[in-house]
Amino acid sequence: ACAAGVTPLRYNLTRAADFCGRIAAGAPM
């Protein structure tokens, strides 16, 4: 949690779906 809090970003489903879409399209993590 401390490591995640260095660059805080609240969870929302739209952002999560966009992120996973990038991964599915082949973008490296």
PDB file of all heavy atoms in Angstrom:
ATOM      1  N   ALA A   1       0.832  -1.210   0.000  1.00  0.00           N
ATOM      2  CA  ALA A   1       0.000   0.000   0.000  1.00  0.00           C
ATOM      3  C   ALA A   1       0.865   1.257   0.000  1.00  0.00           C
ATOM      4  O   ALA A   1       0.553   2.234  -0.691  1.00  0.00           O
ATOM      5  CB  ALA A   1      -0.934  -0.003   1.210  1.00  0.00           C
ATOM      6  N   CYS A   2       1.958   1.240   0.749  1.00  0.00           N
ATOM      7  CA  CYS A   2       2.867   2.401   0.765  1.00  0.00           C
ATOM      8  C   CYS A   2       3.478   2.622  -0.611  1.00  0.00           C
ATOM      9  O   CYS A   2       3.597   3.766  -1.065  1.00  0.00           O
ATOM     10  CB  CYS A   2       3.960   2.212   1.806  1.00  0.00           C
ATOM     11  SG  CYS A   2       3.387   2.417   3.497  1.00  0.00           S
ATOM     12  N   ALA A   3       3.873   1.544  -1.279  1.00  0.00           N
ATOM     13  CA  ALA A   3       4.443   1.674  -2.622  1.00  0.00           C
ATOM     14  C   ALA A   3       3.401   2.223  -3.590  1.00  0.00           C
ATOM     15  O   ALA A   3       3.707   3.075  -4.429  1.00  0.00           O
ATOM     16  CB  ALA A   3       4.964   0.318  -3.103  1.00  0.00           C
ATOM     17  N   ALA A   4       2.167   1.762  -3.480  1.00  0.00           N
ATOM     18  CA  ALA A   4       1.102   2.266  -4.351  1.00  0.00           C
ATOM     19  C   ALA A   4       0.793   3.721  -4.032  1.00  0.00           C
ATOM     20  O   ALA A   4       0.451   4.504  -4.927  1.00  0.00           O
ATOM     21  CB  ALA A   4      -0.160   1.420  -4.182  1.00  0.00           C
ATOM     22  N   GLY A   5       0.939   4.111  -2.779  1.00  0.00           N
ATOM     23  CA  GLY A   5       0.632   5.475  -2.365  1.00  0.00           C
ATOM     24  C   GLY A   5       1.641   6.514  -2.813  1.00  0.00           C
ATOM     25  O   GLY A   5       1.388   7.705  -2.718  1.00  0.00           O
ATOM     26  N   VAL A   6       2.796   6.071  -3.331  1.00  0.00           N
ATOM     27  CA  VAL A   6       3.802   7.016  -3.829  1.00  0.00           C
ATOM     28  C   VAL A   6       3.238   7.772  -5.034  1.00  0.00           C
ATOM     29  O   VAL A   6       3.449   8.964  -5.198  1.00  0.00           O
ATOM     30  CB  VAL A   6       5.111   6.283  -4.195  1.00  0.00           C
ATOM     31  CG1 VAL A   6       6.063   7.193  -4.924  1.00  0.00           C
ATOM     32  CG2 VAL A   6       5.754   5.732  -2.936  1.00  0.00           C
ATOM     33  N   THR A   7       2.519   7.063  -5.881  1.00  0.00           N
ATOM     34  CA  THR A   7       1.843   7.690  -7.026  1.00  0.00           C
ATOM     35  C   THR A   7       0.360   7.357  -6.893  1.00  0.00           C
ATOM     36  O   THR A   7      -0.147   6.480  -7.588  1.00  0.00           O
ATOM     37  CB  THR A   7       2.389   7.154  -8.362  1.00  0.00           C
ATOM     38  OG1 THR A   7       2.343   5.730  -8.337  1.00  0.00           O
ATOM     39  CG2 THR A   7       3.794   7.616  -8.611  1.00  0.00           C
ATOM     40  N   PRO A   8      -0.343   8.020  -5.990  1.00  0.00           N
ATOM     41  CA  PRO A   8      -1.727   7.631  -5.682  1.00  0.00           C
ATOM     42  C   PRO A   8      -2.665   7.801  -6.874  1.00  0.00           C
ATOM     43  O   PRO A   8      -2.578   8.776  -7.614  1.00  0.00           O
ATOM     44  CB  PRO A   8      -2.113   8.558  -4.536  1.00  0.00           C
ATOM     45  CG  PRO A   8      -1.192   9.709  -4.624  1.00  0.00           C
ATOM     46  CD  PRO A   8       0.069   9.197  -5.243  1.00  0.00           C
ATOM     47  N   LEU A   9      -3.493   6.835  -7.057  1.00  0.00           N
ATOM     48  CA  LEU A   9      -4.491   6.867  -8.116  1.00  0.00           C
ATOM     49  C   LEU A   9      -5.681   6.063  -7.623  1.00  0.00           C
ATOM     50  O   LEU A   9      -5.554   4.878  -7.317  1.00  0.00           O
ATOM     51  CB  LEU A   9      -3.899   6.238  -9.385  1.00  0.00           C
ATOM     52  CG  LEU A   9      -4.627   6.462 -10.691  1.00  0.00           C
ATOM     53  CD1 LEU A   9      -4.708   7.948 -11.014  1.00  0.00           C
ATOM     54  CD2 LEU A   9      -3.907   5.752 -11.819  1.00  0.00           C
ATOM     55  N   ARG A  10      -6.811   6.710  -7.518  1.00  0.00           N
ATOM     56  CA  ARG A  10      -8.007   6.009  -7.045  1.00  0.00           C
ATOM     57  C   ARG A  10      -8.497   5.031  -8.102  1.00  0.00           C
ATOM     58  O   ARG A  10      -8.436   5.291  -9.290  1.00  0.00           O
ATOM     59  CB  ARG A  10      -9.109   6.993  -6.705  1.00  0.00           C
ATOM     60  CG  ARG A  10      -8.791   7.814  -5.487  1.00  0.00           C
ATOM     61  CD  ARG A  10     -10.053   8.437  -4.916  1.00  0.00           C
ATOM     62  NE  ARG A  10      -9.742   9.307  -3.819  1.00  0.00           N
ATOM     63  CZ  ARG A  10      -9.581   8.891  -2.571  1.00  0.00           C
ATOM     64  NH1 ARG A  10      -9.682   7.625  -2.291  1.00  0.00           N
ATOM     65  NH2 ARG A  10      -9.306   9.755  -1.621  1.00  0.00           N
ATOM     66  N   TYR A  11      -9.007   3.912  -7.608  1.00  0.00           N
ATOM     67  CA  TYR A  11      -9.527   2.876  -8.494  1.00  0.00           C
ATOM     68  C   TYR A  11     -10.857   3.312  -9.077  1.00  0.00           C
ATOM     69  O   TYR A  11     -11.718   3.826  -8.367  1.00  0.00           O
ATOM     70  CB  TYR A  11      -9.715   1.574  -7.713  1.00  0.00           C
ATOM     71  CG  TYR A  11     -10.289   0.463  -8.546  1.00  0.00           C
ATOM     72  CD1 TYR A  11      -9.473  -0.310  -9.347  1.00  0.00           C
ATOM     73  CD2 TYR A  11     -11.651   0.206  -8.547  1.00  0.00           C
ATOM     74  CE1 TYR A  11      -9.993  -1.333 -10.122  1.00  0.00           C
ATOM     75  CE2 TYR A  11     -12.184  -0.818  -9.315  1.00  0.00           C
ATOM     76  CZ  TYR A  11     -11.348  -1.580 -10.100  1.00  0.00           C
ATOM     77  OH  TYR A  11     -11.871  -2.583 -10.875  1.00  0.00           O
ATOM     78  N   ASN A  12     -11.018   3.145 -10.380  1.00  0.00           N
ATOM     79  CA  ASN A  12     -12.346   3.210 -10.981  1.00  0.00           C
ATOM     80  C   ASN A  12     -12.368   2.228 -12.141  1.00  0.00           C
ATOM     81  O   ASN A  12     -11.334   1.922 -12.744  1.00  0.00           O
ATOM     82  CB  ASN A  12     -12.767   4.640 -11.369  1.00  0.00           C
ATOM     83  CG  ASN A  12     -12.024   5.191 -12.562  1.00  0.00           C
ATOM     84  OD1 ASN A  12     -11.899   4.529 -13.583  1.00  0.00           O
ATOM     85  ND2 ASN A  12     -11.536   6.412 -12.439  1.00  0.00           N
ATOM     86  N   LEU A  13     -13.534   1.726 -12.433  1.00  0.00           N
ATOM     87  CA  LEU A  13     -13.678   0.655 -13.411  1.00  0.00           C
ATOM     88  C   LEU A  13     -13.271   1.092 -14.812  1.00  0.00           C
ATOM     89  O   LEU A  13     -12.684   0.304 -15.562  1.00  0.00           O
ATOM     90  CB  LEU A  13     -15.130   0.151 -13.400  1.00  0.00           C
ATOM     91  CG  LEU A  13     -15.387  -1.213 -13.991  1.00  0.00           C
ATOM     92  CD1 LEU A  13     -14.463  -2.258 -13.382  1.00  0.00           C
ATOM     93  CD2 LEU A  13     -16.829  -1.617 -13.779  1.00  0.00           C
ATOM     94  N   THR A  14     -13.533   2.334 -15.177  1.00  0.00           N
ATOM     95  CA  THR A  14     -13.167   2.832 -16.508  1.00  0.00           C
ATOM     96  C   THR A  14     -11.655   2.819 -16.678  1.00  0.00           C
ATOM     97  O   THR A  14     -11.137   2.352 -17.701  1.00  0.00           O
ATOM     98  CB  THR A  14     -13.709   4.257 -16.719  1.00  0.00           C
ATOM     99  OG1 THR A  14     -15.117   4.236 -16.493  1.00  0.00           O
ATOM    100  CG2 THR A  14     -13.418   4.754 -18.109  1.00  0.00           C
ATOM    101  N   ARG A  15     -10.939   3.330 -15.690  1.00  0.00           N
ATOM    102  CA  ARG A  15      -9.470   3.350 -15.754  1.00  0.00           C
ATOM    103  C   ARG A  15      -8.919   1.933 -15.773  1.00  0.00           C
ATOM    104  O   ARG A  15      -7.993   1.619 -16.516  1.00  0.00           O
ATOM    105  CB  ARG A  15      -8.903   4.121 -14.567  1.00  0.00           C
ATOM    106  CG  ARG A  15      -7.391   4.212 -14.590  1.00  0.00           C
ATOM    107  CD  ARG A  15      -6.846   5.021 -13.428  1.00  0.00           C
ATOM    108  NE  ARG A  15      -7.143   6.432 -13.629  1.00  0.00           N
ATOM    109  CZ  ARG A  15      -7.784   7.188 -12.744  1.00  0.00           C
ATOM    110  NH1 ARG A  15      -8.190   6.698 -11.605  1.00  0.00           N
ATOM    111  NH2 ARG A  15      -8.016   8.460 -12.995  1.00  0.00           N
ATOM    112  N   ALA A  16      -9.486   1.056 -14.953  1.00  0.00           N
ATOM    113  CA  ALA A  16      -9.033  -0.338 -14.908  1.00  0.00           C
ATOM    114  C   ALA A  16      -9.247  -1.023 -16.252  1.00  0.00           C
ATOM    115  O   ALA A  16      -8.371  -1.745 -16.739  1.00  0.00           O
ATOM    116  CB  ALA A  16      -9.774  -1.085 -13.799  1.00  0.00           C
ATOM    117  N   ALA A  17     -10.400  -0.789 -16.864  1.00  0.00           N
ATOM    118  CA  ALA A  17     -10.689  -1.396 -18.169  1.00  0.00           C
ATOM    119  C   ALA A  17      -9.753  -0.847 -19.250  1.00  0.00           C
ATOM    120  O   ALA A  17      -9.278  -1.601 -20.111  1.00  0.00           O
ATOM    121  CB  ALA A  17     -12.146  -1.146 -18.550  1.00  0.00           C
ATOM    122  N   ASP A  18      -9.468   0.456 -19.212  1.00  0.00           N
ATOM    123  CA  ASP A  18      -8.543   1.054 -20.169  1.00  0.00           C
ATOM    124  C   ASP A  18      -7.145   0.448 -20.013  1.00  0.00           C
ATOM    125  O   ASP A  18      -6.489   0.098 -20.997  1.00  0.00           O
ATOM    126  CB  ASP A  18      -8.499   2.569 -19.981  1.00  0.00           C
ATOM    127  CG  ASP A  18      -7.647   3.263 -21.029  1.00  0.00           C
ATOM    128  OD1 ASP A  18      -7.547   2.750 -22.166  1.00  0.00           O
ATOM    129  OD2 ASP A  18      -7.083   4.333 -20.721  1.00  0.00           O
ATOM    130  N   PHE A  19      -6.703   0.304 -18.776  1.00  0.00           N
ATOM    131  CA  PHE A  19      -5.393  -0.284 -18.508  1.00  0.00           C
ATOM    132  C   PHE A  19      -5.326  -1.720 -19.044  1.00  0.00           C
ATOM    133  O   PHE A  19      -4.390  -2.090 -19.748  1.00  0.00           O
ATOM    134  CB  PHE A  19      -5.092  -0.261 -17.008  1.00  0.00           C
ATOM    135  CG  PHE A  19      -3.786  -0.900 -16.658  1.00  0.00           C
ATOM    136  CD1 PHE A  19      -2.598  -0.199 -16.799  1.00  0.00           C
ATOM    137  CD2 PHE A  19      -3.737  -2.204 -16.204  1.00  0.00           C
ATOM    138  CE1 PHE A  19      -1.388  -0.792 -16.490  1.00  0.00           C
ATOM    139  CE2 PHE A  19      -2.531  -2.805 -15.897  1.00  0.00           C
ATOM    140  CZ  PHE A  19      -1.360  -2.099 -16.038  1.00  0.00           C
ATOM    141  N   CYS A  20      -6.340  -2.519 -18.718  1.00  0.00           N
ATOM    142  CA  CYS A  20      -6.353  -3.916 -19.162  1.00  0.00           C
ATOM    143  C   CYS A  20      -6.465  -4.011 -20.683  1.00  0.00           C
ATOM    144  O   CYS A  20      -5.906  -4.923 -21.292  1.00  0.00           O
ATOM    145  CB  CYS A  20      -7.481  -4.680 -18.473  1.00  0.00           C
ATOM    146  SG  CYS A  20      -7.160  -4.922 -16.712  1.00  0.00           S
ATOM    147  N   GLY A  21      -7.167  -3.062 -21.300  1.00  0.00           N
ATOM    148  CA  GLY A  21      -7.237  -3.021 -22.762  1.00  0.00           C
ATOM    149  C   GLY A  21      -5.872  -2.802 -23.388  1.00  0.00           C
ATOM    150  O   GLY A  21      -5.537  -3.403 -24.414  1.00  0.00           O
ATOM    151  N   ARG A  22      -5.065  -1.950 -22.771  1.00  0.00           N
ATOM    152  CA  ARG A  22      -3.703  -1.717 -23.266  1.00  0.00           C
ATOM    153  C   ARG A  22      -2.870  -2.994 -23.171  1.00  0.00           C
ATOM    154  O   ARG A  22      -2.107  -3.322 -24.076  1.00  0.00           O
ATOM    155  CB  ARG A  22      -3.030  -0.604 -22.467  1.00  0.00           C
ATOM    156  CG  ARG A  22      -3.597   0.770 -22.732  1.00  0.00           C
ATOM    157  CD  ARG A  22      -3.038   1.778 -21.726  1.00  0.00           C
ATOM    158  NE  ARG A  22      -3.708   3.052 -21.850  1.00  0.00           N
ATOM    159  CZ  ARG A  22      -3.135   4.144 -22.360  1.00  0.00           C
ATOM    160  NH1 ARG A  22      -1.890   4.104 -22.768  1.00  0.00           N
ATOM    161  NH2 ARG A  22      -3.816   5.261 -22.444  1.00  0.00           N
ATOM    162  N   ILE A  23      -3.016  -3.704 -22.052  1.00  0.00           N
ATOM    163  CA  ILE A  23      -2.278  -4.955 -21.864  1.00  0.00           C
ATOM    164  C   ILE A  23      -2.733  -5.989 -22.885  1.00  0.00           C
ATOM    165  O   ILE A  23      -1.918  -6.647 -23.530  1.00  0.00           O
ATOM    166  CB  ILE A  23      -2.467  -5.499 -20.426  1.00  0.00           C
ATOM    167  CG1 ILE A  23      -1.900  -4.528 -19.400  1.00  0.00           C
ATOM    168  CG2 ILE A  23      -1.864  -6.880 -20.268  1.00  0.00           C
ATOM    169  CD1 ILE A  23      -0.408  -4.311 -19.460  1.00  0.00           C
ATOM    170  N   ALA A  24      -4.029  -6.124 -23.081  1.00  0.00           N
ATOM    171  CA  ALA A  24      -4.554  -7.101 -24.038  1.00  0.00           C
ATOM    172  C   ALA A  24      -4.105  -6.788 -25.461  1.00  0.00           C
ATOM    173  O   ALA A  24      -3.892  -7.699 -26.263  1.00  0.00           O
ATOM    174  CB  ALA A  24      -6.080  -7.134 -23.961  1.00  0.00           C
ATOM    175  N   ALA A  25      -3.932  -5.500 -25.765  1.00  0.00           N
ATOM    176  CA  ALA A  25      -3.489  -5.101 -27.107  1.00  0.00           C
ATOM    177  C   ALA A  25      -2.004  -5.366 -27.326  1.00  0.00           C
ATOM    178  O   ALA A  25      -1.502  -5.177 -28.430  1.00  0.00           O
ATOM    179  CB  ALA A  25      -3.801  -3.628 -27.335  1.00  0.00           C
ATOM    180  N   GLY A  26      -1.295  -5.770 -26.276  1.00  0.00           N
ATOM    181  CA  GLY A  26       0.106  -6.130 -26.446  1.00  0.00           C
ATOM    182  C   GLY A  26       1.106  -5.201 -25.796  1.00  0.00           C
ATOM    183  O   GLY A  26       2.307  -5.422 -25.897  1.00  0.00           O
ATOM    184  N   ALA A  27       0.646  -4.153 -25.119  1.00  0.00           N
ATOM    185  CA  ALA A  27       1.579  -3.238 -24.466  1.00  0.00           C
ATOM    186  C   ALA A  27       2.253  -3.951 -23.297  1.00  0.00           C
ATOM    187  O   ALA A  27       1.577  -4.626 -22.521  1.00  0.00           O
ATOM    188  CB  ALA A  27       0.846  -1.999 -23.963  1.00  0.00           C
ATOM    189  N   PRO A  28       3.557  -3.805 -23.157  1.00  0.00           N
ATOM    190  CA  PRO A  28       4.216  -4.369 -21.975  1.00  0.00           C
ATOM    191  C   PRO A  28       3.706  -3.661 -20.716  1.00  0.00           C
ATOM    192  O   PRO A  28       3.261  -2.509 -20.780  1.00  0.00           O
ATOM    193  CB  PRO A  28       5.702  -4.045 -22.188  1.00  0.00           C
ATOM    194  CG  PRO A  28       5.845  -3.647 -23.615  1.00  0.00           C
ATOM    195  CD  PRO A  28       4.502  -3.166 -24.073  1.00  0.00           C
ATOM    196  N   MET A  29       3.768  -4.335 -19.597  1.00  0.00           N
ATOM    197  CA  MET A  29       3.271  -3.776 -18.334  1.00  0.00           C
ATOM    198  C   MET A  29       3.952  -2.439 -18.036  1.00  0.00           C
ATOM    199  O   MET A  29       3.284  -1.489 -17.623  1.00  0.00           O
ATOM    200  CB  MET A  29       3.520  -4.771 -17.192  1.00  0.00           C
ATOM    201  CG  MET A  29       2.875  -4.402 -15.889  1.00  0.00           C
ATOM    202  SD  MET A  29       1.094  -4.636 -15.817  1.00  0.00           S
ATOM    203  CE  MET A  29       0.948  -6.396 -15.755  1.00  0.00           C
TER     204      MET A  29
END
